[in-house]
C-alpha atoms as a PDB file:
ATOM      1  CA  MET A   1     -30.985  44.997   5.549  1.00  0.00           C
ATOM      2  CA  ASN A   2     -27.600  43.229   5.183  1.00  0.00           C
ATOM      3  CA  ASN A   3     -29.611  40.852   2.972  1.00  0.00           C
ATOM      4  CA  PHE A   4     -31.360  43.496   1.117  1.00  0.00           C
ATOM      5  CA  LEU A   5     -27.855  44.859   0.073  1.00  0.00           C
ATOM      6  CA  LEU A   6     -26.611  41.271  -0.932  1.00  0.00           C
ATOM      7  CA  PHE A   7     -29.398  40.501  -2.978  1.00  0.00           C
ATOM      8  CA  PHE A   8     -28.786  43.569  -4.961  1.00  0.00           C
ATOM      9  CA  SER A   9     -25.273  43.995  -4.810  1.00  0.00           C
ATOM     10  CA  ILE A  10     -24.946  47.501  -3.526  1.00  0.00           C
ATOM     11  CA  SER A  11     -21.899  48.462  -2.031  1.00  0.00           C
ATOM     12  CA  GLY A  12     -21.613  51.400   0.790  1.00  0.00           C
ATOM     13  CA  GLY A  13     -20.358  54.209  -1.774  1.00  0.00           C
ATOM     14  CA  GLU A  14     -23.304  53.456  -4.043  1.00  0.00           C
ATOM     15  CA  ILE A  15     -25.919  53.580  -1.221  1.00  0.00           C
ATOM     16  CA  LEU A  16     -24.380  56.925  -0.324  1.00  0.00           C
ATOM     17  CA  VAL A  17     -24.634  58.517  -3.828  1.00  0.00           C
ATOM     18  CA  ILE A  18     -28.329  57.317  -3.941  1.00  0.00           C
ATOM     19  CA  ILE A  19     -28.768  59.239  -0.332  1.00  0.00           C
ATOM     20  CA  ILE A  20     -27.307  62.342  -1.560  1.00  0.00           C
ATOM     21  CA  VAL A  21     -29.478  62.521  -4.999  1.00  0.00           C
ATOM     22  CA  VAL A  22     -32.792  61.970  -2.920  1.00  0.00           C
ATOM     23  CA  TYR A  23     -31.474  64.446  -0.505  1.00  0.00           C
ATOM     24  CA  LEU A  24     -30.903  67.303  -3.338  1.00  0.00           C
ATOM     25  CA  VAL A  25     -34.087  65.977  -5.582  1.00  0.00           C
ATOM     26  CA  PHE A  26     -36.531  66.061  -2.319  1.00  0.00           C
ATOM     27  CA  GLY A  27     -34.403  68.668   0.039  1.00  0.00           C
ATOM     28  CA  PRO A  28     -34.421  68.488   3.853  1.00  0.00           C
ATOM     29  CA  LYS A  29     -37.932  69.308   4.620  1.00  0.00           C
ATOM     30  CA  LYS A  30     -39.511  66.530   2.369  1.00  0.00           C
ATOM     31  CA  LEU A  31     -37.266  64.179   3.518  1.00  0.00           C
ATOM     32  CA  PRO A  32     -38.583  63.133   6.870  1.00  0.00           C
ATOM     33  CA  GLU A  33     -42.166  63.023   5.375  1.00  0.00           C
ATOM     34  CA  LEU A  34     -41.125  60.718   2.924  1.00  0.00           C
ATOM     35  CA  ALA A  35     -39.519  58.638   5.030  1.00  0.00           C
ATOM     36  CA  ARG A  36     -42.129  58.016   7.307  1.00  0.00           C
ATOM     37  CA  LYS A  37     -44.532  57.432   4.427  1.00  0.00           C
ATOM     38  CA  LEU A  38     -42.359  54.487   2.789  1.00  0.00           C
ATOM     39  CA  GLY A  39     -41.937  53.230   6.602  1.00  0.00           C
ATOM     40  CA  LYS A  40     -45.825  53.031   7.092  1.00  0.00           C
ATOM     41  CA  VAL A  41     -45.689  51.342   3.332  1.00  0.00           C
ATOM     42  CA  MET A  42     -43.152  48.636   4.483  1.00  0.00           C
ATOM     43  CA  ASN A  43     -45.426  48.235   7.707  1.00  0.00           C
ATOM     44  CA  GLU A  44     -48.827  47.498   6.132  1.00  0.00           C
ATOM     45  CA  PHE A  45     -46.799  45.203   3.205  1.00  0.00           C
ATOM     46  CA  LYS A  46     -45.395  43.187   6.074  1.00  0.00           C
ATOM     47  CA  ARG A  47     -48.628  43.059   8.029  1.00  0.00           C
ATOM     48  CA  ALA A  48     -50.497  42.070   4.782  1.00  0.00           C
ATOM     49  CA  THR A  49     -47.858  38.689   4.275  1.00  0.00           C
ATOM     50  CA  ASN A  50     -48.108  38.220   7.539  1.00  0.00           C
ATOM     51  CA  ASP A  51     -52.097  38.206   7.448  1.00  0.00           C
ATOM     52  CA  ILE A  52     -52.056  36.199   4.405  1.00  0.00           C
ATOM     53  CA  LYS A  53     -49.500  33.415   5.600  1.00  0.00           C
ATOM     54  CA  ARG A  54     -51.607  32.927   8.587  1.00  0.00           C
ATOM     55  CA  GLU A  55     -54.503  32.438   6.562  1.00  0.00           C
ATOM     56  CA  ILE A  56     -53.011  29.689   4.545  1.00  0.00           C
ATOM     57  CA  ASN A  57     -51.488  28.235   7.759  1.00  0.00           C
ATOM     58  CA  LYS A  58     -54.955  27.862   8.918  1.00  0.00           C
ATOM     59  CA  GLU A  59     -56.426  26.398   6.108  1.00  0.00           C
ATOM     60  CA  THR A  60     -54.109  23.851   5.299  1.00  0.00           C
ATOM     61  CA  THR A  61     -54.190  23.124   8.977  1.00  0.00           C
ATOM     62  CA  ASN A  62     -58.230  22.973   9.050  1.00  0.00           C
ATOM     63  CA  PHE A  63     -57.303  20.746   5.602  1.00  0.00           C
ATOM     64  CA  GLN A  64     -55.175  18.780   7.391  1.00  0.00           C
ATOM     65  CA  ARG A  65     -57.259  17.963  10.459  1.00  0.00           C
ATOM     66  CA  ASP A  66     -60.021  17.278   8.169  1.00  0.00           C
ATOM     67  CA  LEU A  67     -58.442  14.768   5.979  1.00  0.00           C
ATOM     68  CA  ASN A  68     -56.494  13.421   8.818  1.00  0.00           C
ATOM     69  CA  ILE A  69     -53.006  13.715   7.220  1.00  0.00           C
ATOM     70  CA  ASP A  70     -49.694  13.706   8.973  1.00  0.00           C
ATOM     71  CA  LEU A  71     -47.633  16.476   6.697  1.00  0.00           C
ATOM     72  CA  ASN A  72     -44.303  14.754   7.915  1.00  0.00           C
ATOM     73  CA  ASP A  73     -45.387  11.294   6.820  1.00  0.00           C
ATOM     74  CA  PRO A  74     -47.432  11.764   3.844  1.00  0.00           C
ATOM     75  CA  LEU A  75     -48.028   8.532   3.016  1.00  0.00           C
ATOM     76  CA  LYS A  76     -49.416   7.641   6.531  1.00  0.00           C
ATOM     77  CA  THR A  77     -52.808   8.379   7.536  1.00  0.00           C
ATOM     78  CA  ASP A  78     -54.566   7.954  10.543  1.00  0.00           C
ATOM     79  CA  THR A  79     -58.310   7.489   9.712  1.00  0.00           C
ATOM     80  CA  PRO A  80     -60.547   6.145  12.472  1.00  0.00           C
ATOM     81  CA  LYS A  81     -61.149   2.976  12.607  1.00  0.00           C
ATOM     82  CA  ASN A  82     -64.784   1.695  11.634  1.00  0.00           C
ATOM     83  CA  LYS A  83     -67.003   1.513  14.855  1.00  0.00           C
ATOM     84  CA  THR A  84     -69.856  -1.156  13.906  1.00  0.00           C
ATOM     85  CA  GLU A  85     -72.473  -1.056  15.827  1.00  0.00           C
ATOM     86  CA  PRO A  86     -73.823  -4.543  17.198  1.00  0.00           C
ATOM     87  CA  THR A  87     -76.737  -5.363  15.358  1.00  0.00           C
ATOM     88  CA  ASP A  88     -79.466  -6.445  17.442  1.00  0.00           C
ATOM     89  CA  SER A  89     -81.264  -9.870  16.396  1.00  0.00           C
ATOM     90  CA  LYS A  90     -84.621  -8.988  17.668  1.00  0.00           C
ATOM     91  CA  SER A  91     -84.627  -6.202  15.443  1.00  0.00           C
ATOM     92  CA  SER A  92     -83.471  -7.596  11.841  1.00  0.00           C
ATOM     93  CA  SER A  93     -85.535 -10.826  11.964  1.00  0.00           C
ATOM     94  CA  LYS A  94     -88.757 -10.622  10.325  1.00  0.00           C
ATOM     95  CA  LYS A  95     -92.210 -11.049  12.503  1.00  0.00           C
END
C-alpha cells in the first residue's frame, strides 16, 4: 500500500477525506459490500496477471529450449554437434 501512496503522492489527510466522502455517499450498510466486491475484483485482476506472466514465461522457456539459446549469453548458442553416421562402403558402391 505504501508504494501505491507514493505513486499517486496522496497524503494521509487526503486519504481520510476520501474515506469520509465514500462513507457519506454509500453509507455504512453498503460500504462492507463494496469493499468485498473491490477485494474480489483486485484478487481476480492479480490472478489474471499472474496467469499471463506464467504463460509468457512458459512460452519463452519452450522457445529458448527449442532454439538452445542461453539468455544470459545471447551470442552463445548451444547447438548439438552434427553426428554423421558412418557410411557403409558396400552400400555406397555400385554392383
